[in-house]
Amino acid sequence: MHNRRIRSVILGMGPILLAAMPALADTAAGLQAFRDGNYKQAYQEWKASAEKGEAVAQFNLGVLFAKGLGVHRDILEAVYWYRLSADQNNAQAQYALGQVYQRGWGAPKDDEDALRWFAMAAAAGETQGLGWLPISGASIPQDFEQAAYWYRKAAEQGHAEAQFDLARLYARGLGVPNDEAQAAKWFRASASQGYGPAQGRLGVRYSRGRGLPQDDKQAYFWMALASKNGDTSVDRLKDALAAKLGAGEVAKLDESVRDWQAQRMSAKK
């Protein structure tokens, strides 16, 4: 059985699509066990739900195997469970598969990181994930076409980081044709959800006219949002634009930035 699982992952065949099911009690119990530091119990609870076809539990099992929490670290086994979950349109699992194939590795052991993944998988409407740091000893070959495939699946469901990573693949022509318009489209989709790195990239594209019309005001607006959301990599370019636009125009744009953020916070309530 296990050999068949590994073969299906390596060949990219994918397992049989399972019917979506409502969340089971075992899934919630597993999350509580994880919070208590009882990873083996979390594994047992999630495995029970995962084998009944529960997508969130399948994703959670994948994270345990990817990080080696409560189980022996096994990237192929992680991919097997991610794929089961992804085939049920779990956006987090789809994004995780994109990360695995883009980078050719799983994820380091990190309890806090794992807990955030689980919480996001369980939270209705959550669209942002947490990036993984690279590690050596990869078990999955780098495959940009597979990465693009799974990023697109998650991006179309509104996953902000998947949208950002898909945009980067289009911008660099990795796994997909180089397409500046498509890159701009997905950077905008991610930026519109408040994802700072995408806001910064979108601002740079407006400043240079890459994939959309050149527009200094739009460039400053998105860079200012990016800076407020933790992406300071564009601050120098933003400051140069501010000098070019003038104090009066910058004041109006800063007010627009505050209004945009206020509206977004209001919409989340």
C-alpha atoms as a PDB file:
ATOM      1  CA  MET A   1       0.000   0.000   0.000  1.00  0.00           C
ATOM      2  CA  HIS A   2       2.726   2.456   0.979  1.00  0.00           C
ATOM      3  CA  ASN A   3       4.704   1.699  -2.188  1.00  0.00           C
ATOM      4  CA  ARG A   4       1.639   2.432  -4.289  1.00  0.00           C
ATOM      5  CA  ARG A   5       1.271   5.773  -2.522  1.00  0.00           C
ATOM      6  CA  ILE A   6       4.873   6.740  -3.235  1.00  0.00           C
ATOM      7  CA  ARG A   7       4.632   5.638  -6.857  1.00  0.00           C
ATOM      8  CA  SER A   8       1.514   7.735  -7.423  1.00  0.00           C
ATOM      9  CA  VAL A   9       3.268  10.793  -5.980  1.00  0.00           C
ATOM     10  CA  ILE A  10       6.432  10.321  -8.050  1.00  0.00           C
ATOM     11  CA  LEU A  11       4.482   9.793 -11.259  1.00  0.00           C
ATOM     12  CA  GLY A  12       2.165  12.694 -10.467  1.00  0.00           C
ATOM     13  CA  MET A  13      -0.897  10.487 -10.885  1.00  0.00           C
ATOM     14  CA  GLY A  14      -2.652  11.585  -7.726  1.00  0.00           C
ATOM     15  CA  PRO A  15      -4.996   9.454  -5.622  1.00  0.00           C
ATOM     16  CA  ILE A  16      -8.719   8.986  -6.168  1.00  0.00           C
ATOM     17  CA  LEU A  17     -10.739  12.134  -5.501  1.00  0.00           C
ATOM     18  CA  LEU A  18     -12.629  11.818  -2.232  1.00  0.00           C
ATOM     19  CA  ALA A  19     -15.954  13.450  -1.476  1.00  0.00           C
ATOM     20  CA  ALA A  20     -15.821  16.561   0.673  1.00  0.00           C
ATOM     21  CA  MET A  21     -17.046  16.008   4.221  1.00  0.00           C
ATOM     22  CA  PRO A  22     -17.868  18.324   7.129  1.00  0.00           C
ATOM     23  CA  ALA A  23     -15.220  18.726   9.827  1.00  0.00           C
ATOM     24  CA  LEU A  24     -15.131  15.811  12.261  1.00  0.00           C
ATOM     25  CA  ALA A  25     -14.672  15.895  16.015  1.00  0.00           C
ATOM     26  CA  ASP A  26     -11.350  14.078  15.663  1.00  0.00           C
ATOM     27  CA  THR A  27      -9.965  17.040  13.708  1.00  0.00           C
ATOM     28  CA  ALA A  28     -10.716  19.525  16.493  1.00  0.00           C
ATOM     29  CA  ALA A  29      -9.418  17.093  19.103  1.00  0.00           C
ATOM     30  CA  GLY A  30      -6.202  16.765  17.136  1.00  0.00           C
ATOM     31  CA  LEU A  31      -5.684  20.524  17.115  1.00  0.00           C
ATOM     32  CA  GLN A  32      -6.185  20.669  20.872  1.00  0.00           C
ATOM     33  CA  ALA A  33      -3.707  17.823  21.365  1.00  0.00           C
ATOM     34  CA  PHE A  34      -1.205  19.673  19.219  1.00  0.00           C
ATOM     35  CA  ARG A  35      -1.627  22.848  21.256  1.00  0.00           C
ATOM     36  CA  ASP A  36      -0.962  20.770  24.366  1.00  0.00           C
ATOM     37  CA  GLY A  37       2.283  19.500  22.824  1.00  0.00           C
ATOM     38  CA  ASN A  38       0.952  15.950  22.454  1.00  0.00           C
ATOM     39  CA  TYR A  39       1.931  15.434  18.823  1.00  0.00           C
ATOM     40  CA  LYS A  40       1.448  11.675  18.792  1.00  0.00           C
ATOM     41  CA  GLN A  41      -2.117  12.110  20.034  1.00  0.00           C
ATOM     42  CA  ALA A  42      -2.676  14.794  17.394  1.00  0.00           C
ATOM     43  CA  TYR A  43      -1.457  12.351  14.776  1.00  0.00           C
ATOM     44  CA  GLN A  44      -3.848   9.652  15.972  1.00  0.00           C
ATOM     45  CA  GLU A  45      -6.836  12.012  16.028  1.00  0.00           C
ATOM     46  CA  TRP A  46      -6.105  13.492  12.603  1.00  0.00           C
ATOM     47  CA  LYS A  47      -5.385  10.119  11.045  1.00  0.00           C
ATOM     48  CA  ALA A  48      -8.807   8.904  12.132  1.00  0.00           C
ATOM     49  CA  SER A  49     -10.477  11.873  10.422  1.00  0.00           C
ATOM     50  CA  ALA A  50      -8.143  11.812   7.424  1.00  0.00           C
ATOM     51  CA  GLU A  51      -8.949   8.183   6.671  1.00  0.00           C
ATOM     52  CA  LYS A  52     -12.629   9.129   6.650  1.00  0.00           C
ATOM     53  CA  GLY A  53     -11.872  11.685   3.940  1.00  0.00           C
ATOM     54  CA  GLU A  54     -11.742  14.915   5.999  1.00  0.00           C
ATOM     55  CA  ALA A  55      -9.639  17.387   3.991  1.00  0.00           C
ATOM     56  CA  VAL A  56      -8.401  19.564   6.873  1.00  0.00           C
ATOM     57  CA  ALA A  57      -7.198  16.495   8.795  1.00  0.00           C
ATOM     58  CA  GLN A  58      -5.432  15.232   5.679  1.00  0.00           C
ATOM     59  CA  PHE A  59      -3.647  18.552   5.319  1.00  0.00           C
ATOM     60  CA  ASN A  60      -2.704  18.544   9.004  1.00  0.00           C
ATOM     61  CA  LEU A  61      -1.231  15.056   8.692  1.00  0.00           C
ATOM     62  CA  GLY A  62       0.827  16.309   5.793  1.00  0.00           C
ATOM     63  CA  VAL A  63       2.252  19.086   7.965  1.00  0.00           C
ATOM     64  CA  LEU A  64       3.150  16.596  10.706  1.00  0.00           C
ATOM     65  CA  PHE A  65       5.057  14.426   8.242  1.00  0.00           C
ATOM     66  CA  ALA A  66       6.704  17.427   6.563  1.00  0.00           C
ATOM     67  CA  LYS A  67       7.941  18.748   9.899  1.00  0.00           C
ATOM     68  CA  GLY A  68       8.549  15.477  11.727  1.00  0.00           C
ATOM     69  CA  LEU A  69       6.223  16.275  14.620  1.00  0.00           C
ATOM     70  CA  GLY A  70       4.991  13.164  16.434  1.00  0.00           C
ATOM     71  CA  VAL A  71       6.019  11.031  13.435  1.00  0.00           C
ATOM     72  CA  HIS A  72       9.161  10.261  11.469  1.00  0.00           C
ATOM     73  CA  ARG A  73       9.813  13.058   8.984  1.00  0.00           C
ATOM     74  CA  ASP A  74       8.778  11.806   5.533  1.00  0.00           C
ATOM     75  CA  ILE A  75       8.292  14.284   2.681  1.00  0.00           C
ATOM     76  CA  LEU A  76       6.777  11.699   0.346  1.00  0.00           C
ATOM     77  CA  GLU A  77       4.184  10.813   2.974  1.00  0.00           C
ATOM     78  CA  ALA A  78       3.506  14.528   3.516  1.00  0.00           C
ATOM     79  CA  VAL A  79       2.933  15.002  -0.212  1.00  0.00           C
ATOM     80  CA  TYR A  80       0.594  11.997  -0.261  1.00  0.00           C
ATOM     81  CA  TRP A  81      -1.669  13.585   2.392  1.00  0.00           C
ATOM     82  CA  TYR A  82      -1.366  17.069   0.908  1.00  0.00           C
ATOM     83  CA  ARG A  83      -2.509  15.697  -2.424  1.00  0.00           C
ATOM     84  CA  LEU A  84      -5.531  13.944  -0.917  1.00  0.00           C
ATOM     85  CA  SER A  85      -6.532  17.207   0.739  1.00  0.00           C
ATOM     86  CA  ALA A  86      -5.738  19.317  -2.320  1.00  0.00           C
ATOM     87  CA  ASP A  87      -7.898  17.105  -4.506  1.00  0.00           C
ATOM     88  CA  GLN A  88     -10.784  18.175  -2.267  1.00  0.00           C
ATOM     89  CA  ASN A  89      -9.971  21.831  -2.999  1.00  0.00           C
ATOM     90  CA  ASN A  90      -8.273  22.587   0.297  1.00  0.00           C
ATOM     91  CA  ALA A  91      -6.389  25.775  -0.653  1.00  0.00           C
ATOM     92  CA  GLN A  92      -3.761  25.386   2.087  1.00  0.00           C
ATOM     93  CA  ALA A  93      -2.854  21.918   0.831  1.00  0.00           C
ATOM     94  CA  GLN A  94      -2.714  23.180  -2.738  1.00  0.00           C
ATOM     95  CA  TYR A  95      -0.403  25.982  -1.661  1.00  0.00           C
ATOM     96  CA  ALA A  96       1.750  23.561   0.337  1.00  0.00           C
ATOM     97  CA  LEU A  97       2.163  21.371  -2.756  1.00  0.00           C
ATOM     98  CA  GLY A  98       3.173  24.412  -4.755  1.00  0.00           C
ATOM     99  CA  GLN A  99       5.829  25.209  -2.151  1.00  0.00           C
ATOM    100  CA  VAL A 100       7.121  21.641  -2.149  1.00  0.00           C
ATOM    101  CA  TYR A 101       7.474  21.480  -5.922  1.00  0.00           C
ATOM    102  CA  GLN A 102       8.826  25.002  -6.358  1.00  0.00           C
ATOM    103  CA  ARG A 103      11.565  24.601  -3.790  1.00  0.00           C
ATOM    104  CA  GLY A 104      12.142  20.871  -3.908  1.00  0.00           C
ATOM    105  CA  TRP A 105      11.927  20.414  -0.154  1.00  0.00           C
ATOM    106  CA  GLY A 106       9.439  20.051   2.639  1.00  0.00           C
ATOM    107  CA  ALA A 107       9.712  22.153   5.781  1.00  0.00           C
ATOM    108  CA  PRO A 108      11.914  22.325   8.873  1.00  0.00           C
ATOM    109  CA  LYS A 109      10.647  21.244  12.260  1.00  0.00           C
ATOM    110  CA  ASP A 110       8.955  24.266  13.786  1.00  0.00           C
ATOM    111  CA  ASP A 111       6.135  23.827  16.291  1.00  0.00           C
ATOM    112  CA  GLU A 112       4.904  27.423  16.174  1.00  0.00           C
ATOM    113  CA  ASP A 113       4.930  27.480  12.379  1.00  0.00           C
ATOM    114  CA  ALA A 114       2.979  24.228  12.249  1.00  0.00           C
ATOM    115  CA  LEU A 115       0.355  25.522  14.676  1.00  0.00           C
ATOM    116  CA  ARG A 116      -0.212  28.555  12.456  1.00  0.00           C
ATOM    117  CA  TRP A 117      -0.674  26.307   9.429  1.00  0.00           C
ATOM    118  CA  PHE A 118      -3.261  24.244  11.299  1.00  0.00           C
ATOM    119  CA  ALA A 119      -5.104  27.307  12.530  1.00  0.00           C
ATOM    120  CA  MET A 120      -5.239  28.725   9.024  1.00  0.00           C
ATOM    121  CA  ALA A 121      -6.518  25.477   7.599  1.00  0.00           C
ATOM    122  CA  ALA A 122      -9.311  25.477  10.168  1.00  0.00           C
ATOM    123  CA  ALA A 123     -10.240  29.161   9.871  1.00  0.00           C
ATOM    124  CA  ALA A 124     -12.982  29.912   7.364  1.00  0.00           C
ATOM    125  CA  GLY A 125     -11.978  32.638   4.951  1.00  0.00           C
ATOM    126  CA  GLU A 126      -8.292  32.728   5.915  1.00  0.00           C
ATOM    127  CA  THR A 127      -6.190  33.270   2.791  1.00  0.00           C
ATOM    128  CA  GLN A 128      -2.611  33.858   3.901  1.00  0.00           C
ATOM    129  CA  GLY A 129      -0.096  31.169   4.729  1.00  0.00           C
ATOM    130  CA  LEU A 130       3.321  31.253   6.342  1.00  0.00           C
ATOM    131  CA  GLY A 131       6.436  30.887   4.200  1.00  0.00           C
ATOM    132  CA  TRP A 132       8.850  28.002   4.745  1.00  0.00           C
ATOM    133  CA  LEU A 133      12.609  28.269   5.095  1.00  0.00           C
ATOM    134  CA  PRO A 134      14.725  26.029   2.834  1.00  0.00           C
ATOM    135  CA  ILE A 135      16.446  22.929   4.151  1.00  0.00           C
ATOM    136  CA  SER A 136      18.876  20.409   2.698  1.00  0.00           C
ATOM    137  CA  GLY A 137      18.178  16.748   2.036  1.00  0.00           C
ATOM    138  CA  ALA A 138      15.258  17.339  -0.301  1.00  0.00           C
ATOM    139  CA  SER A 139      13.172  14.315  -1.288  1.00  0.00           C
ATOM    140  CA  ILE A 140      10.972  15.917  -3.946  1.00  0.00           C
ATOM    141  CA  PRO A 141      12.482  17.115  -7.241  1.00  0.00           C
ATOM    142  CA  GLN A 142      12.016  20.770  -8.107  1.00  0.00           C
ATOM    143  CA  ASP A 143       9.219  21.029 -10.673  1.00  0.00           C
ATOM    144  CA  PHE A 144       8.016  24.512 -11.601  1.00  0.00           C
ATOM    145  CA  GLU A 145       5.161  23.238 -13.775  1.00  0.00           C
ATOM    146  CA  GLN A 146       3.748  21.302 -10.823  1.00  0.00           C
ATOM    147  CA  ALA A 147       4.330  24.319  -8.574  1.00  0.00           C
ATOM    148  CA  ALA A 148       2.426  26.568 -10.972  1.00  0.00           C
ATOM    149  CA  TYR A 149      -0.404  24.024 -11.243  1.00  0.00           C
ATOM    150  CA  TRP A 150      -0.959  23.857  -7.493  1.00  0.00           C
ATOM    151  CA  TYR A 151      -0.409  27.575  -6.913  1.00  0.00           C
ATOM    152  CA  ARG A 152      -3.081  28.293  -9.516  1.00  0.00           C
ATOM    153  CA  LYS A 153      -5.517  25.921  -7.796  1.00  0.00           C
ATOM    154  CA  ALA A 154      -5.044  27.746  -4.493  1.00  0.00           C
ATOM    155  CA  ALA A 155      -4.862  31.199  -6.102  1.00  0.00           C
ATOM    156  CA  GLU A 156      -8.222  30.735  -7.779  1.00  0.00           C
ATOM    157  CA  GLN A 157      -9.689  30.071  -4.328  1.00  0.00           C
ATOM    158  CA  GLY A 158      -8.310  33.380  -3.070  1.00  0.00           C
ATOM    159  CA  HIS A 159      -5.141  32.219  -1.291  1.00  0.00           C
ATOM    160  CA  ALA A 160      -3.041  35.402  -1.151  1.00  0.00           C
ATOM    161  CA  GLU A 161       0.397  33.815  -0.906  1.00  0.00           C
ATOM    162  CA  ALA A 162      -0.393  31.394  -3.722  1.00  0.00           C
ATOM    163  CA  GLN A 163      -1.462  34.345  -5.857  1.00  0.00           C
ATOM    164  CA  PHE A 164       1.838  36.067  -5.043  1.00  0.00           C
ATOM    165  CA  ASP A 165       3.946  33.004  -5.832  1.00  0.00           C
ATOM    166  CA  LEU A 166       2.047  32.328  -9.059  1.00  0.00           C
ATOM    167  CA  ALA A 167       2.672  35.942 -10.095  1.00  0.00           C
ATOM    168  CA  ARG A 168       6.396  35.484  -9.475  1.00  0.00           C
ATOM    169  CA  LEU A 169       6.455  32.388 -11.684  1.00  0.00           C
ATOM    170  CA  TYR A 170       4.791  34.357 -14.503  1.00  0.00           C
ATOM    171  CA  ALA A 171       7.230  37.227 -14.000  1.00  0.00           C
ATOM    172  CA  ARG A 172      10.199  34.865 -14.328  1.00  0.00           C
ATOM    173  CA  GLY A 173       8.756  32.410 -16.862  1.00  0.00           C
ATOM    174  CA  LEU A 174       9.176  29.407 -14.561  1.00  0.00           C
ATOM    175  CA  GLY A 175       6.736  26.561 -15.213  1.00  0.00           C
ATOM    176  CA  VAL A 176       4.548  28.969 -17.205  1.00  0.00           C
ATOM    177  CA  PRO A 177       5.245  31.341 -20.114  1.00  0.00           C
ATOM    178  CA  ASN A 178       6.785  34.676 -19.175  1.00  0.00           C
ATOM    179  CA  ASP A 179       3.724  36.935 -19.083  1.00  0.00           C
ATOM    180  CA  GLU A 180       3.930  40.379 -17.488  1.00  0.00           C
ATOM    181  CA  ALA A 181       0.173  40.950 -17.738  1.00  0.00           C
ATOM    182  CA  GLN A 182      -0.567  37.703 -15.877  1.00  0.00           C
ATOM    183  CA  ALA A 183       2.091  38.543 -13.301  1.00  0.00           C
ATOM    184  CA  ALA A 184       0.498  41.940 -12.711  1.00  0.00           C
ATOM    185  CA  LYS A 185      -2.955  40.361 -12.481  1.00  0.00           C
ATOM    186  CA  TRP A 186      -1.950  37.951  -9.722  1.00  0.00           C
ATOM    187  CA  PHE A 187       0.190  40.491  -7.857  1.00  0.00           C
ATOM    188  CA  ARG A 188      -2.894  42.737  -7.804  1.00  0.00           C
ATOM    189  CA  ALA A 189      -5.136  39.924  -6.583  1.00  0.00           C
ATOM    190  CA  SER A 190      -2.753  39.210  -3.704  1.00  0.00           C
ATOM    191  CA  ALA A 191      -2.130  42.890  -2.943  1.00  0.00           C
ATOM    192  CA  SER A 192      -5.862  43.561  -2.778  1.00  0.00           C
ATOM    193  CA  GLN A 193      -6.059  41.107   0.116  1.00  0.00           C
ATOM    194  CA  GLY A 194      -3.487  43.066   2.089  1.00  0.00           C
ATOM    195  CA  TYR A 195      -0.431  40.897   1.413  1.00  0.00           C
ATOM    196  CA  GLY A 196       2.520  43.283   1.870  1.00  0.00           C
ATOM    197  CA  PRO A 197       5.084  41.694  -0.485  1.00  0.00           C
ATOM    198  CA  ALA A 198       2.542  41.675  -3.312  1.00  0.00           C
ATOM    199  CA  GLN A 199       1.650  45.304  -2.638  1.00  0.00           C
ATOM    200  CA  GLY A 200       5.324  46.213  -2.947  1.00  0.00           C
ATOM    201  CA  ARG A 201       5.734  44.300  -6.222  1.00  0.00           C
ATOM    202  CA  LEU A 202       2.578  45.869  -7.621  1.00  0.00           C
ATOM    203  CA  GLY A 203       3.875  49.328  -6.736  1.00  0.00           C
ATOM    204  CA  VAL A 204       7.165  48.650  -8.501  1.00  0.00           C
ATOM    205  CA  ARG A 205       5.282  47.487 -11.579  1.00  0.00           C
ATOM    206  CA  TYR A 206       3.255  50.683 -11.671  1.00  0.00           C
ATOM    207  CA  SER A 207       6.425  52.734 -11.335  1.00  0.00           C
ATOM    208  CA  ARG A 208       8.040  50.925 -14.280  1.00  0.00           C
ATOM    209  CA  GLY A 209       4.976  50.188 -16.407  1.00  0.00           C
ATOM    210  CA  ARG A 210       5.511  46.430 -16.344  1.00  0.00           C
ATOM    211  CA  GLY A 211       2.340  44.569 -17.303  1.00  0.00           C
ATOM    212  CA  LEU A 212       0.161  47.642 -16.671  1.00  0.00           C
ATOM    213  CA  PRO A 213       0.252  51.381 -17.439  1.00  0.00           C
ATOM    214  CA  GLN A 214       2.971  53.451 -15.777  1.00  0.00           C
ATOM    215  CA  ASP A 215       1.425  55.471 -12.936  1.00  0.00           C
ATOM    216  CA  ASP A 216       3.454  57.184 -10.207  1.00  0.00           C
ATOM    217  CA  LYS A 217       0.419  57.777  -7.996  1.00  0.00           C
ATOM    218  CA  GLN A 218      -0.630  54.135  -8.062  1.00  0.00           C
ATOM    219  CA  ALA A 219       2.988  53.147  -7.536  1.00  0.00           C
ATOM    220  CA  TYR A 220       3.286  55.304  -4.417  1.00  0.00           C
ATOM    221  CA  PHE A 221      -0.108  54.148  -3.090  1.00  0.00           C
ATOM    222  CA  TRP A 222       0.757  50.443  -3.237  1.00  0.00           C
ATOM    223  CA  MET A 223       4.287  50.936  -1.951  1.00  0.00           C
ATOM    224  CA  ALA A 224       2.969  52.928   1.000  1.00  0.00           C
ATOM    225  CA  LEU A 225       0.563  50.092   1.796  1.00  0.00           C
ATOM    226  CA  ALA A 226       3.388  47.574   1.489  1.00  0.00           C
ATOM    227  CA  SER A 227       5.515  49.561   3.927  1.00  0.00           C
ATOM    228  CA  LYS A 228       2.697  49.684   6.471  1.00  0.00           C
ATOM    229  CA  ASN A 229       2.275  45.917   6.083  1.00  0.00           C
ATOM    230  CA  GLY A 230       5.888  45.164   6.870  1.00  0.00           C
ATOM    231  CA  ASP A 231       7.541  45.176   3.434  1.00  0.00           C
ATOM    232  CA  THR A 232      10.161  47.914   3.686  1.00  0.00           C
ATOM    233  CA  SER A 233      12.132  46.770   0.624  1.00  0.00           C
ATOM    234  CA  VAL A 234      10.424  49.427  -1.506  1.00  0.00           C
ATOM    235  CA  ASP A 235      10.869  52.355   0.894  1.00  0.00           C
ATOM    236  CA  ARG A 236      13.700  53.988  -1.035  1.00  0.00           C
ATOM    237  CA  LEU A 237      11.737  53.921  -4.286  1.00  0.00           C
ATOM    238  CA  LYS A 238       8.626  55.129  -2.437  1.00  0.00           C
ATOM    239  CA  ASP A 239      10.554  58.072  -0.973  1.00  0.00           C
ATOM    240  CA  ALA A 240      11.913  58.960  -4.416  1.00  0.00           C
ATOM    241  CA  LEU A 241       8.379  58.978  -5.783  1.00  0.00           C
ATOM    242  CA  ALA A 242       7.227  61.149  -2.884  1.00  0.00           C
ATOM    243  CA  ALA A 243       9.825  63.775  -3.803  1.00  0.00           C
ATOM    244  CA  LYS A 244       8.693  63.608  -7.417  1.00  0.00           C
ATOM    245  CA  LEU A 245       4.976  63.876  -6.628  1.00  0.00           C
ATOM    246  CA  GLY A 246       5.223  66.698  -4.105  1.00  0.00           C
ATOM    247  CA  ALA A 247       3.937  67.121  -0.549  1.00  0.00           C
ATOM    248  CA  GLY A 248       0.344  67.965  -1.468  1.00  0.00           C
ATOM    249  CA  GLU A 249      -0.169  64.890  -3.658  1.00  0.00           C
ATOM    250  CA  VAL A 250       1.590  62.631  -1.146  1.00  0.00           C
ATOM    251  CA  ALA A 251      -0.711  63.843   1.641  1.00  0.00           C
ATOM    252  CA  LYS A 252      -3.763  62.890  -0.454  1.00  0.00           C
ATOM    253  CA  LEU A 253      -2.305  59.487  -1.252  1.00  0.00           C
ATOM    254  CA  ASP A 254      -1.418  58.845   2.404  1.00  0.00           C
ATOM    255  CA  GLU A 255      -5.021  59.598   3.307  1.00  0.00           C
ATOM    256  CA  SER A 256      -6.171  57.129   0.652  1.00  0.00           C
ATOM    257  CA  VAL A 257      -3.860  54.520   2.175  1.00  0.00           C
ATOM    258  CA  ARG A 258      -5.390  55.082   5.624  1.00  0.00           C
ATOM    259  CA  ASP A 259      -8.904  54.861   4.173  1.00  0.00           C
ATOM    260  CA  TRP A 260      -8.048  51.633   2.339  1.00  0.00           C
ATOM    261  CA  GLN A 261      -6.728  50.044   5.498  1.00  0.00           C
ATOM    262  CA  ALA A 262      -9.705  51.203   7.549  1.00  0.00           C
ATOM    263  CA  GLN A 263     -12.145  49.755   5.033  1.00  0.00           C
ATOM    264  CA  ARG A 264     -10.270  46.462   5.015  1.00  0.00           C
ATOM    265  CA  MET A 265     -10.284  46.243   8.808  1.00  0.00           C
ATOM    266  CA  SER A 266     -13.988  47.050   8.840  1.00  0.00           C
ATOM    267  CA  ALA A 267     -14.709  44.341   6.275  1.00  0.00           C
ATOM    268  CA  LYS A 268     -12.939  41.747   8.471  1.00  0.00           C
ATOM    269  CA  LYS A 269     -15.237  42.448  11.445  1.00  0.00           C
END
